[in-house]
Each structure stands twice: as C-alpha cells, then as structure tokens.
Amino acid sequence: MTQSSADVIDKMIAAVHARNCSVLLDILSEDASLDDWGRRYTGREQIEAWLEKEIVDKGIAVTVMKTEAIGPDTVLTVLVHDGASTTSSHVAIKVTGEKISDLTIRA
C-alpha cells in the first residue's frame, strides 16, 4: 500500500467515525462503485444514499483489526459497531490516484 492510499483510507475511517458524508464523497472518484454484500451502488448519488442509510442513520463506527495489500486492493479486517451489536467484515478498497474507485464489503 502506498502512502497516498494509506492517507486516503485514514481519511475515510475518520470520516466514518465523524459520520461526515461530505468528506466521504470527496474522497470517491466520480465513477466510484460500492458492493455491500452483493448490493451494488455506482456513482456518488447512489453511494451517498447508501452512506446516509448504512453509516449515518445507524451510527456506525469501525475498529480496524488488520490491514493488508492484496493485488491492487487494500483489505481491511474491521469490527463494525452500530450501538447494538458488533460484527466482523472485510473491506476491499481500491485507490486510484488519490481517490477511492471501488469498495467491496464482505464477511
């Protein structure tokens, strides 16, 4: 993982904790895509609706347990906290330039 990718990912995690959709949208490429357990969202408008519903409304926070580079992706193993429960997920992040171009969330 490059320093640029690490900086973008750190910014993403901080924005999730702050529930700041503006920052999250700013670090996405124009044609970014998000796959949340098979549900696909493409472009900032669809991803913004997902962020509001899945991050902001649920009060999500994450704890990064492990970070590893797998091919062009950085894969985070995270604990996802919603106030009522905690689950484990893997988030594959592809950074292109200084923007996130793809996010894939799985178990």
PDB file of N, CA and C in Angstrom:
ATOM      1  N   MET A   1       0.844  -1.165   0.000  1.00  0.00           N
ATOM      2  CA  MET A   1       0.000   0.000   0.000  1.00  0.00           C
ATOM      3  C   MET A   1       0.897   1.237   0.000  1.00  0.00           C
ATOM      4  N   THR A   2       0.570   2.171  -0.875  1.00  0.00           N
ATOM      5  CA  THR A   2       1.349   3.398  -0.944  1.00  0.00           C
ATOM      6  C   THR A   2       0.941   4.351   0.182  1.00  0.00           C
ATOM      7  N   GLN A   3       1.770   5.334   0.439  1.00  0.00           N
ATOM      8  CA  GLN A   3       1.442   6.331   1.460  1.00  0.00           C
ATOM      9  C   GLN A   3       0.188   7.092   1.066  1.00  0.00           C
ATOM     10  N   SER A   4       0.027   7.378  -0.227  1.00  0.00           N
ATOM     11  CA  SER A   4      -1.163   8.073  -0.704  1.00  0.00           C
ATOM     12  C   SER A   4      -2.422   7.258  -0.405  1.00  0.00           C
ATOM     13  N   SER A   5      -2.368   5.948  -0.669  1.00  0.00           N
ATOM     14  CA  SER A   5      -3.509   5.070  -0.374  1.00  0.00           C
ATOM     15  C   SER A   5      -3.785   5.046   1.124  1.00  0.00           C
ATOM     16  N   ALA A   6      -2.744   4.935   1.910  1.00  0.00           N
ATOM     17  CA  ALA A   6      -2.908   4.910   3.371  1.00  0.00           C
ATOM     18  C   ALA A   6      -3.559   6.194   3.862  1.00  0.00           C
ATOM     19  N   ASP A   7      -3.153   7.338   3.304  1.00  0.00           N
ATOM     20  CA  ASP A   7      -3.732   8.623   3.711  1.00  0.00           C
ATOM     21  C   ASP A   7      -5.217   8.689   3.366  1.00  0.00           C
ATOM     22  N   VAL A   8      -5.588   8.214   2.172  1.00  0.00           N
ATOM     23  CA  VAL A   8      -6.992   8.220   1.751  1.00  0.00           C
ATOM     24  C   VAL A   8      -7.818   7.310   2.660  1.00  0.00           C
ATOM     25  N   ILE A   9      -7.288   6.140   2.970  1.00  0.00           N
ATOM     26  CA  ILE A   9      -8.007   5.190   3.827  1.00  0.00           C
ATOM     27  C   ILE A   9      -8.149   5.740   5.243  1.00  0.00           C
ATOM     28  N   ASP A  10      -7.098   6.367   5.775  1.00  0.00           N
ATOM     29  CA  ASP A  10      -7.185   7.000   7.097  1.00  0.00           C
ATOM     30  C   ASP A  10      -8.255   8.086   7.106  1.00  0.00           C
ATOM     31  N   LYS A  11      -8.307   8.861   6.039  1.00  0.00           N
ATOM     32  CA  LYS A  11      -9.313   9.919   5.922  1.00  0.00           C
ATOM     33  C   LYS A  11     -10.722   9.315   5.871  1.00  0.00           C
ATOM     34  N   MET A  12     -10.867   8.184   5.167  1.00  0.00           N
ATOM     35  CA  MET A  12     -12.158   7.503   5.077  1.00  0.00           C
ATOM     36  C   MET A  12     -12.620   7.034   6.457  1.00  0.00           C
ATOM     37  N   ILE A  13     -11.721   6.400   7.214  1.00  0.00           N
ATOM     38  CA  ILE A  13     -12.066   5.890   8.549  1.00  0.00           C
ATOM     39  C   ILE A  13     -12.467   7.051   9.469  1.00  0.00           C
ATOM     40  N   ALA A  14     -11.718   8.143   9.431  1.00  0.00           N
ATOM     41  CA  ALA A  14     -12.035   9.314  10.262  1.00  0.00           C
ATOM     42  C   ALA A  14     -13.404   9.886   9.879  1.00  0.00           C
ATOM     43  N   ALA A  15     -13.705   9.922   8.592  1.00  0.00           N
ATOM     44  CA  ALA A  15     -14.998  10.449   8.134  1.00  0.00           C
ATOM     45  C   ALA A  15     -16.150   9.529   8.545  1.00  0.00           C
ATOM     46  N   VAL A  16     -15.922   8.214   8.538  1.00  0.00           N
ATOM     47  CA  VAL A  16     -16.953   7.284   9.022  1.00  0.00           C
ATOM     48  C   VAL A  16     -17.238   7.569  10.494  1.00  0.00           C
ATOM     49  N   HIS A  17     -16.204   7.704  11.288  1.00  0.00           N
ATOM     50  CA  HIS A  17     -16.399   7.971  12.719  1.00  0.00           C
ATOM     51  C   HIS A  17     -17.110   9.298  12.962  1.00  0.00           C
ATOM     52  N   ALA A  18     -16.825  10.289  12.111  1.00  0.00           N
ATOM     53  CA  ALA A  18     -17.470  11.595  12.239  1.00  0.00           C
ATOM     54  C   ALA A  18     -18.837  11.610  11.544  1.00  0.00           C
ATOM     55  N   ARG A  19     -19.159  10.526  10.829  1.00  0.00           N
ATOM     56  CA  ARG A  19     -20.390  10.424  10.033  1.00  0.00           C
ATOM     57  C   ARG A  19     -20.498  11.618   9.085  1.00  0.00           C
ATOM     58  N   ASN A  20     -19.364  11.923   8.439  1.00  0.00           N
ATOM     59  CA  ASN A  20     -19.255  13.080   7.559  1.00  0.00           C
ATOM     60  C   ASN A  20     -19.340  12.623   6.102  1.00  0.00           C
ATOM     61  N   CYS A  21     -20.547  12.651   5.562  1.00  0.00           N
ATOM     62  CA  CYS A  21     -20.754  12.205   4.183  1.00  0.00           C
ATOM     63  C   CYS A  21     -20.021  13.076   3.174  1.00  0.00           C
ATOM     64  N   SER A  22     -19.902  14.378   3.454  1.00  0.00           N
ATOM     65  CA  SER A  22     -19.218  15.278   2.514  1.00  0.00           C
ATOM     66  C   SER A  22     -17.779  14.841   2.291  1.00  0.00           C
ATOM     67  N   VAL A  23     -17.057  14.536   3.363  1.00  0.00           N
ATOM     68  CA  VAL A  23     -15.667  14.085   3.236  1.00  0.00           C
ATOM     69  C   VAL A  23     -15.622  12.737   2.530  1.00  0.00           C
ATOM     70  N   LEU A  24     -16.526  11.839   2.913  1.00  0.00           N
ATOM     71  CA  LEU A  24     -16.550  10.521   2.269  1.00  0.00           C
ATOM     72  C   LEU A  24     -16.781  10.651   0.770  1.00  0.00           C
ATOM     73  N   LEU A  25     -17.704  11.502   0.365  1.00  0.00           N
ATOM     74  CA  LEU A  25     -17.974  11.686  -1.061  1.00  0.00           C
ATOM     75  C   LEU A  25     -16.799  12.350  -1.770  1.00  0.00           C
ATOM     76  N   ASP A  26     -16.114  13.271  -1.080  1.00  0.00           N
ATOM     77  CA  ASP A  26     -14.964  13.961  -1.679  1.00  0.00           C
ATOM     78  C   ASP A  26     -13.809  13.019  -1.995  1.00  0.00           C
ATOM     79  N   ILE A  27     -13.681  11.920  -1.243  1.00  0.00           N
ATOM     80  CA  ILE A  27     -12.550  11.029  -1.499  1.00  0.00           C
ATOM     81  C   ILE A  27     -12.909   9.900  -2.478  1.00  0.00           C
ATOM     82  N   LEU A  28     -14.141   9.937  -3.013  1.00  0.00           N
ATOM     83  CA  LEU A  28     -14.540   8.965  -4.025  1.00  0.00           C
ATOM     84  C   LEU A  28     -14.300   9.519  -5.420  1.00  0.00           C
ATOM     85  N   SER A  29     -13.908   8.644  -6.345  1.00  0.00           N
ATOM     86  CA  SER A  29     -13.815   9.053  -7.739  1.00  0.00           C
ATOM     87  C   SER A  29     -15.232   9.289  -8.263  1.00  0.00           C
ATOM     88  N   GLU A  30     -15.355  10.022  -9.346  1.00  0.00           N
ATOM     89  CA  GLU A  30     -16.673  10.323  -9.925  1.00  0.00           C
ATOM     90  C   GLU A  30     -17.461   9.053 -10.253  1.00  0.00           C
ATOM     91  N   ASP A  31     -16.764   8.014 -10.703  1.00  0.00           N
ATOM     92  CA  ASP A  31     -17.433   6.770 -11.120  1.00  0.00           C
ATOM     93  C   ASP A  31     -17.230   5.645 -10.100  1.00  0.00           C
ATOM     94  N   ALA A  32     -17.042   6.012  -8.849  1.00  0.00           N
ATOM     95  CA  ALA A  32     -16.797   5.015  -7.796  1.00  0.00           C
ATOM     96  C   ALA A  32     -17.948   4.014  -7.718  1.00  0.00           C
ATOM     97  N   SER A  33     -17.595   2.806  -7.252  1.00  0.00           N
ATOM     98  CA  SER A  33     -18.621   1.793  -7.028  1.00  0.00           C
ATOM     99  C   SER A  33     -18.432   1.190  -5.646  1.00  0.00           C
ATOM    100  N   LEU A  34     -19.547   0.701  -5.094  1.00  0.00           N
ATOM    101  CA  LEU A  34     -19.554   0.100  -3.778  1.00  0.00           C
ATOM    102  C   LEU A  34     -20.391  -1.171  -3.860  1.00  0.00           C
ATOM    103  N   ASP A  35     -19.832  -2.256  -3.347  1.00  0.00           N
ATOM    104  CA  ASP A  35     -20.548  -3.531  -3.295  1.00  0.00           C
ATOM    105  C   ASP A  35     -20.672  -3.914  -1.827  1.00  0.00           C
ATOM    106  N   ASP A  36     -21.891  -3.844  -1.315  1.00  0.00           N
ATOM    107  CA  ASP A  36     -22.174  -4.158   0.078  1.00  0.00           C
ATOM    108  C   ASP A  36     -22.872  -5.513   0.125  1.00  0.00           C
ATOM    109  N   TRP A  37     -22.086  -6.567   0.264  1.00  0.00           N
ATOM    110  CA  TRP A  37     -22.605  -7.930   0.350  1.00  0.00           C
ATOM    111  C   TRP A  37     -23.485  -8.269  -0.852  1.00  0.00           C
ATOM    112  N   GLY A  38     -23.048  -7.847  -2.045  1.00  0.00           N
ATOM    113  CA  GLY A  38     -23.772  -8.169  -3.265  1.00  0.00           C
ATOM    114  C   GLY A  38     -24.714  -7.079  -3.752  1.00  0.00           C
ATOM    115  N   ARG A  39     -24.993  -6.107  -2.913  1.00  0.00           N
ATOM    116  CA  ARG A  39     -25.808  -4.967  -3.356  1.00  0.00           C
ATOM    117  C   ARG A  39     -24.857  -3.934  -3.942  1.00  0.00           C
ATOM    118  N   ARG A  40     -25.031  -3.603  -5.231  1.00  0.00           N
ATOM    119  CA  ARG A  40     -24.088  -2.754  -5.953  1.00  0.00           C
ATOM    120  C   ARG A  40     -24.623  -1.331  -6.081  1.00  0.00           C
ATOM    121  N   TYR A  41     -23.756  -0.359  -5.773  1.00  0.00           N
ATOM    122  CA  TYR A  41     -24.080   1.055  -5.891  1.00  0.00           C
ATOM    123  C   TYR A  41     -22.993   1.699  -6.744  1.00  0.00           C
ATOM    124  N   THR A  42     -23.411   2.507  -7.724  1.00  0.00           N
ATOM    125  CA  THR A  42     -22.447   3.114  -8.634  1.00  0.00           C
ATOM    126  C   THR A  42     -22.680   4.618  -8.693  1.00  0.00           C
ATOM    127  N   GLY A  43     -21.597   5.369  -8.604  1.00  0.00           N
ATOM    128  CA  GLY A  43     -21.673   6.824  -8.672  1.00  0.00           C
ATOM    129  C   GLY A  43     -21.972   7.435  -7.314  1.00  0.00           C
ATOM    130  N   ARG A  44     -21.657   8.697  -7.213  1.00  0.00           N
ATOM    131  CA  ARG A  44     -21.761   9.387  -5.923  1.00  0.00           C
ATOM    132  C   ARG A  44     -23.189   9.486  -5.404  1.00  0.00           C
ATOM    133  N   GLU A  45     -24.171   9.652  -6.279  1.00  0.00           N
ATOM    134  CA  GLU A  45     -25.550   9.789  -5.818  1.00  0.00           C
ATOM    135  C   GLU A  45     -26.032   8.514  -5.126  1.00  0.00           C
ATOM    136  N   GLN A  46     -25.820   7.369  -5.749  1.00  0.00           N
ATOM    137  CA  GLN A  46     -26.230   6.101  -5.136  1.00  0.00           C
ATOM    138  C   GLN A  46     -25.440   5.822  -3.866  1.00  0.00           C
ATOM    139  N   ILE A  47     -24.136   6.104  -3.900  1.00  0.00           N
ATOM    140  CA  ILE A  47     -23.301   5.853  -2.718  1.00  0.00           C
ATOM    141  C   ILE A  47     -23.685   6.798  -1.584  1.00  0.00           C
ATOM    142  N   GLU A  48     -24.035   8.037  -1.898  1.00  0.00           N
ATOM    143  CA  GLU A  48     -24.463   8.970  -0.853  1.00  0.00           C
ATOM    144  C   GLU A  48     -25.717   8.446  -0.144  1.00  0.00           C
ATOM    145  N   ALA A  49     -26.681   7.937  -0.897  1.00  0.00           N
ATOM    146  CA  ALA A  49     -27.897   7.381  -0.285  1.00  0.00           C
ATOM    147  C   ALA A  49     -27.536   6.197   0.614  1.00  0.00           C
ATOM    148  N   TRP A  50     -26.605   5.347   0.160  1.00  0.00           N
ATOM    149  CA  TRP A  50     -26.154   4.207   0.971  1.00  0.00           C
ATOM    150  C   TRP A  50     -25.474   4.704   2.249  1.00  0.00           C
ATOM    151  N   LEU A  51     -24.603   5.713   2.129  1.00  0.00           N
ATOM    152  CA  LEU A  51     -23.900   6.256   3.295  1.00  0.00           C
ATOM    153  C   LEU A  51     -24.879   6.775   4.348  1.00  0.00           C
ATOM    154  N   GLU A  52     -25.870   7.529   3.898  1.00  0.00           N
ATOM    155  CA  GLU A  52     -26.861   8.076   4.834  1.00  0.00           C
ATOM    156  C   GLU A  52     -27.588   6.955   5.566  1.00  0.00           C
ATOM    157  N   LYS A  53     -28.014   5.932   4.821  1.00  0.00           N
ATOM    158  CA  LYS A  53     -28.793   4.839   5.409  1.00  0.00           C
ATOM    159  C   LYS A  53     -27.940   3.908   6.268  1.00  0.00           C
ATOM    160  N   GLU A  54     -26.765   3.527   5.766  1.00  0.00           N
ATOM    161  CA  GLU A  54     -25.971   2.477   6.400  1.00  0.00           C
ATOM    162  C   GLU A  54     -24.910   2.971   7.386  1.00  0.00           C
ATOM    163  N   ILE A  55     -24.472   4.204   7.254  1.00  0.00           N
ATOM    164  CA  ILE A  55     -23.423   4.730   8.140  1.00  0.00           C
ATOM    165  C   ILE A  55     -24.001   5.773   9.102  1.00  0.00           C
ATOM    166  N   VAL A  56     -24.611   6.808   8.557  1.00  0.00           N
ATOM    167  CA  VAL A  56     -25.084   7.912   9.387  1.00  0.00           C
ATOM    168  C   VAL A  56     -26.275   7.484  10.241  1.00  0.00           C
ATOM    169  N   ASP A  57     -27.324   6.973   9.608  1.00  0.00           N
ATOM    170  CA  ASP A  57     -28.549   6.632  10.352  1.00  0.00           C
ATOM    171  C   ASP A  57     -28.317   5.547  11.399  1.00  0.00           C
ATOM    172  N   LYS A  58     -27.402   4.629  11.134  1.00  0.00           N
ATOM    173  CA  LYS A  58     -27.135   3.537  12.073  1.00  0.00           C
ATOM    174  C   LYS A  58     -26.057   3.885  13.091  1.00  0.00           C
ATOM    175  N   GLY A  59     -25.416   5.043  12.945  1.00  0.00           N
ATOM    176  CA  GLY A  59     -24.380   5.445  13.897  1.00  0.00           C
ATOM    177  C   GLY A  59     -23.176   4.517  13.889  1.00  0.00           C
ATOM    178  N   ILE A  60     -22.762   4.096  12.717  1.00  0.00           N
ATOM    179  CA  ILE A  60     -21.684   3.111  12.573  1.00  0.00           C
ATOM    180  C   ILE A  60     -20.334   3.687  12.978  1.00  0.00           C
ATOM    181  N   ALA A  61     -19.560   2.863  13.648  1.00  0.00           N
ATOM    182  CA  ALA A  61     -18.139   3.120  13.914  1.00  0.00           C
ATOM    183  C   ALA A  61     -17.402   1.835  13.572  1.00  0.00           C
ATOM    184  N   VAL A  62     -16.144   1.951  13.202  1.00  0.00           N
ATOM    185  CA  VAL A  62     -15.356   0.764  12.869  1.00  0.00           C
ATOM    186  C   VAL A  62     -14.041   0.763  13.643  1.00  0.00           C
ATOM    187  N   THR A  63     -13.584  -0.442  13.930  1.00  0.00           N
ATOM    188  CA  THR A  63     -12.263  -0.639  14.509  1.00  0.00           C
ATOM    189  C   THR A  63     -11.480  -1.477  13.520  1.00  0.00           C
ATOM    190  N   VAL A  64     -10.372  -0.954  13.030  1.00  0.00           N
ATOM    191  CA  VAL A  64      -9.541  -1.689  12.070  1.00  0.00           C
ATOM    192  C   VAL A  64      -8.673  -2.668  12.852  1.00  0.00           C
ATOM    193  N   MET A  65      -8.819  -3.951  12.523  1.00  0.00           N
ATOM    194  CA  MET A  65      -8.072  -5.003  13.195  1.00  0.00           C
ATOM    195  C   MET A  65      -6.828  -5.411  12.408  1.00  0.00           C
ATOM    196  N   LYS A  66      -6.919  -5.326  11.074  1.00  0.00           N
ATOM    197  CA  LYS A  66      -5.816  -5.775  10.221  1.00  0.00           C
ATOM    198  C   LYS A  66      -5.906  -5.047   8.891  1.00  0.00           C
ATOM    199  N   THR A  67      -4.757  -4.736   8.320  1.00  0.00           N
ATOM    200  CA  THR A  67      -4.667  -4.114   7.003  1.00  0.00           C
ATOM    201  C   THR A  67      -3.666  -4.908   6.184  1.00  0.00           C
ATOM    202  N   GLU A  68      -4.068  -5.270   4.953  1.00  0.00           N
ATOM    203  CA  GLU A  68      -3.125  -5.981   4.093  1.00  0.00           C
ATOM    204  C   GLU A  68      -3.353  -5.598   2.637  1.00  0.00           C
ATOM    205  N   ALA A  69      -2.269  -5.607   1.876  1.00  0.00           N
ATOM    206  CA  ALA A  69      -2.340  -5.347   0.445  1.00  0.00           C
ATOM    207  C   ALA A  69      -2.544  -6.675  -0.266  1.00  0.00           C
ATOM    208  N   ILE A  70      -3.578  -6.728  -1.097  1.00  0.00           N
ATOM    209  CA  ILE A  70      -3.853  -7.914  -1.911  1.00  0.00           C
ATOM    210  C   ILE A  70      -4.042  -7.423  -3.336  1.00  0.00           C
ATOM    211  N   GLY A  71      -3.029  -7.639  -4.167  1.00  0.00           N
ATOM    212  CA  GLY A  71      -3.067  -7.110  -5.526  1.00  0.00           C
ATOM    213  C   GLY A  71      -3.176  -5.597  -5.477  1.00  0.00           C
ATOM    214  N   PRO A  72      -4.091  -5.026  -6.262  1.00  0.00           N
ATOM    215  CA  PRO A  72      -4.233  -3.569  -6.277  1.00  0.00           C
ATOM    216  C   PRO A  72      -5.087  -3.028  -5.125  1.00  0.00           C
ATOM    217  N   ASP A  73      -5.635  -3.921  -4.317  1.00  0.00           N
ATOM    218  CA  ASP A  73      -6.541  -3.518  -3.241  1.00  0.00           C
ATOM    219  C   ASP A  73      -5.849  -3.502  -1.887  1.00  0.00           C
ATOM    220  N   THR A  74      -6.393  -2.701  -0.997  1.00  0.00           N
ATOM    221  CA  THR A  74      -6.050  -2.752   0.416  1.00  0.00           C
ATOM    222  C   THR A  74      -7.255  -3.366   1.102  1.00  0.00           C
ATOM    223  N   VAL A  75      -7.041  -4.429   1.842  1.00  0.00           N
ATOM    224  CA  VAL A  75      -8.150  -5.106   2.509  1.00  0.00           C
ATOM    225  C   VAL A  75      -8.037  -4.865   4.004  1.00  0.00           C
ATOM    226  N   LEU A  76      -9.110  -4.295   4.548  1.00  0.00           N
ATOM    227  CA  LEU A  76      -9.196  -4.051   5.980  1.00  0.00           C
ATOM    228  C   LEU A  76     -10.079  -5.117   6.609  1.00  0.00           C
ATOM    229  N   THR A  77      -9.622  -5.692   7.692  1.00  0.00           N
ATOM    230  CA  THR A  77     -10.478  -6.519   8.530  1.00  0.00           C
ATOM    231  C   THR A  77     -10.943  -5.593   9.634  1.00  0.00           C
ATOM    232  N   VAL A  78     -12.263  -5.406   9.739  1.00  0.00           N
ATOM    233  CA  VAL A  78     -12.801  -4.424  10.670  1.00  0.00           C
ATOM    234  C   VAL A  78     -13.878  -5.031  11.561  1.00  0.00           C
ATOM    235  N   LEU A  79     -14.021  -4.435  12.726  1.00  0.00           N
ATOM    236  CA  LEU A  79     -15.175  -4.686  13.576  1.00  0.00           C
ATOM    237  C   LEU A  79     -16.106  -3.504  13.367  1.00  0.00           C
ATOM    238  N   VAL A  80     -17.347  -3.792  13.040  1.00  0.00           N
ATOM    239  CA  VAL A  80     -18.347  -2.765  12.770  1.00  0.00           C
ATOM    240  C   VAL A  80     -19.274  -2.678  13.973  1.00  0.00           C
ATOM    241  N   HIS A  81     -19.352  -1.489  14.556  1.00  0.00           N
ATOM    242  CA  HIS A  81     -20.157  -1.255  15.758  1.00  0.00           C
ATOM    243  C   HIS A  81     -21.345  -0.371  15.382  1.00  0.00           C
ATOM    244  N   ASP A  82     -22.559  -0.804  15.737  1.00  0.00           N
ATOM    245  CA  ASP A  82     -23.736   0.015  15.446  1.00  0.00           C
ATOM    246  C   ASP A  82     -24.489   0.445  16.704  1.00  0.00           C
ATOM    247  N   GLY A  83     -23.876   0.283  17.849  1.00  0.00           N
ATOM    248  CA  GLY A  83     -24.518   0.651  19.096  1.00  0.00           C
ATOM    249  C   GLY A  83     -25.252  -0.505  19.757  1.00  0.00           C
ATOM    250  N   ALA A  84     -25.735  -1.439  18.945  1.00  0.00           N
ATOM    251  CA  ALA A  84     -26.456  -2.594  19.482  1.00  0.00           C
ATOM    252  C   ALA A  84     -25.648  -3.882  19.352  1.00  0.00           C
ATOM    253  N   SER A  85     -24.799  -3.937  18.336  1.00  0.00           N
ATOM    254  CA  SER A  85     -24.022  -5.154  18.109  1.00  0.00           C
ATOM    255  C   SER A  85     -22.706  -4.818  17.414  1.00  0.00           C
ATOM    256  N   THR A  86     -21.850  -5.820  17.358  1.00  0.00           N
ATOM    257  CA  THR A  86     -20.568  -5.702  16.679  1.00  0.00           C
ATOM    258  C   THR A  86     -20.413  -6.900  15.759  1.00  0.00           C
ATOM    259  N   THR A  87     -20.061  -6.637  14.503  1.00  0.00           N
ATOM    260  CA  THR A  87     -19.828  -7.709  13.540  1.00  0.00           C
ATOM    261  C   THR A  87     -18.472  -7.503  12.886  1.00  0.00           C
ATOM    262  N   SER A  88     -17.953  -8.564  12.317  1.00  0.00           N
ATOM    263  CA  SER A  88     -16.673  -8.516  11.618  1.00  0.00           C
ATOM    264  C   SER A  88     -16.926  -8.482  10.117  1.00  0.00           C
ATOM    265  N   SER A  89     -16.166  -7.670   9.416  1.00  0.00           N
ATOM    266  CA  SER A  89     -16.259  -7.587   7.955  1.00  0.00           C
ATOM    267  C   SER A  89     -14.876  -7.376   7.367  1.00  0.00           C
ATOM    268  N   HIS A  90     -14.796  -7.643   6.069  1.00  0.00           N
ATOM    269  CA  HIS A  90     -13.606  -7.331   5.286  1.00  0.00           C
ATOM    270  C   HIS A  90     -14.016  -6.277   4.266  1.00  0.00           C
ATOM    271  N   VAL A  91     -13.212  -5.244   4.159  1.00  0.00           N
ATOM    272  CA  VAL A  91     -13.485  -4.167   3.219  1.00  0.00           C
ATOM    273  C   VAL A  91     -12.294  -4.062   2.271  1.00  0.00           C
ATOM    274  N   ALA A  92     -12.538  -4.389   0.988  1.00  0.00           N
ATOM    275  CA  ALA A  92     -11.501  -4.245  -0.032  1.00  0.00           C
ATOM    276  C   ALA A  92     -11.649  -2.864  -0.653  1.00  0.00           C
ATOM    277  N   ILE A  93     -10.559  -2.118  -0.654  1.00  0.00           N
ATOM    278  CA  ILE A  93     -10.573  -0.735  -1.127  1.00  0.00           C
ATOM    279  C   ILE A  93      -9.562  -0.589  -2.250  1.00  0.00           C
ATOM    280  N   LYS A  94     -10.029  -0.064  -3.378  1.00  0.00           N
ATOM    281  CA  LYS A  94      -9.123   0.237  -4.483  1.00  0.00           C
ATOM    282  C   LYS A  94      -8.992   1.748  -4.580  1.00  0.00           C
ATOM    283  N   VAL A  95      -7.755   2.222  -4.441  1.00  0.00           N
ATOM    284  CA  VAL A  95      -7.468   3.654  -4.551  1.00  0.00           C
ATOM    285  C   VAL A  95      -6.795   3.887  -5.895  1.00  0.00           C
ATOM    286  N   THR A  96      -7.370   4.813  -6.653  1.00  0.00           N
ATOM    287  CA  THR A  96      -6.812   5.187  -7.950  1.00  0.00           C
ATOM    288  C   THR A  96      -6.423   6.654  -7.857  1.00  0.00           C
ATOM    289  N   GLY A  97      -5.125   6.928  -7.991  1.00  0.00           N
ATOM    290  CA  GLY A  97      -4.656   8.293  -7.766  1.00  0.00           C
ATOM    291  C   GLY A  97      -4.818   8.605  -6.297  1.00  0.00           C
ATOM    292  N   GLU A  98      -5.618   9.602  -5.990  1.00  0.00           N
ATOM    293  CA  GLU A  98      -5.880   9.959  -4.596  1.00  0.00           C
ATOM    294  C   GLU A  98      -7.352   9.816  -4.253  1.00  0.00           C
ATOM    295  N   LYS A  99      -8.059   8.986  -5.024  1.00  0.00           N
ATOM    296  CA  LYS A  99      -9.495   8.775  -4.811  1.00  0.00           C
ATOM    297  C   LYS A  99      -9.798   7.285  -4.694  1.00  0.00           C
ATOM    298  N   ILE A 100     -10.835   6.968  -3.940  1.00  0.00           N
ATOM    299  CA  ILE A 100     -11.301   5.583  -3.852  1.00  0.00           C
ATOM    300  C   ILE A 100     -12.183   5.331  -5.061  1.00  0.00           C
ATOM    301  N   SER A 101     -11.843   4.290  -5.824  1.00  0.00           N
ATOM    302  CA  SER A 101     -12.623   3.966  -7.005  1.00  0.00           C
ATOM    303  C   SER A 101     -13.542   2.773  -6.791  1.00  0.00           C
ATOM    304  N   ASP A 102     -13.233   1.945  -5.778  1.00  0.00           N
ATOM    305  CA  ASP A 102     -14.064   0.759  -5.536  1.00  0.00           C
ATOM    306  C   ASP A 102     -13.958   0.333  -4.087  1.00  0.00           C
ATOM    307  N   LEU A 103     -15.106  -0.003  -3.506  1.00  0.00           N
ATOM    308  CA  LEU A 103     -15.187  -0.562  -2.153  1.00  0.00           C
ATOM    309  C   LEU A 103     -16.021  -1.832  -2.238  1.00  0.00           C
ATOM    310  N   THR A 104     -15.528  -2.915  -1.630  1.00  0.00           N
ATOM    311  CA  THR A 104     -16.285  -4.156  -1.571  1.00  0.00           C
ATOM    312  C   THR A 104     -16.305  -4.616  -0.125  1.00  0.00           C
ATOM    313  N   ILE A 105     -17.522  -4.824   0.401  1.00  0.00           N
ATOM    314  CA  ILE A 105     -17.709  -5.220   1.800  1.00  0.00           C
ATOM    315  C   ILE A 105     -18.221  -6.654   1.833  1.00  0.00           C
ATOM    316  N   ARG A 106     -17.522  -7.509   2.591  1.00  0.00           N
ATOM    317  CA  ARG A 106     -17.880  -8.922   2.720  1.00  0.00           C
ATOM    318  C   ARG A 106     -17.599  -9.385   4.146  1.00  0.00           C
ATOM    319  N   ALA A 107     -18.028 -10.614   4.435  1.00  0.00           N
ATOM    320  CA  ALA A 107     -17.774 -11.220   5.738  1.00  0.00           C
ATOM    321  C   ALA A 107     -16.294 -11.499   5.902  1.00  0.00           C
TER     322      ALA A 107
END
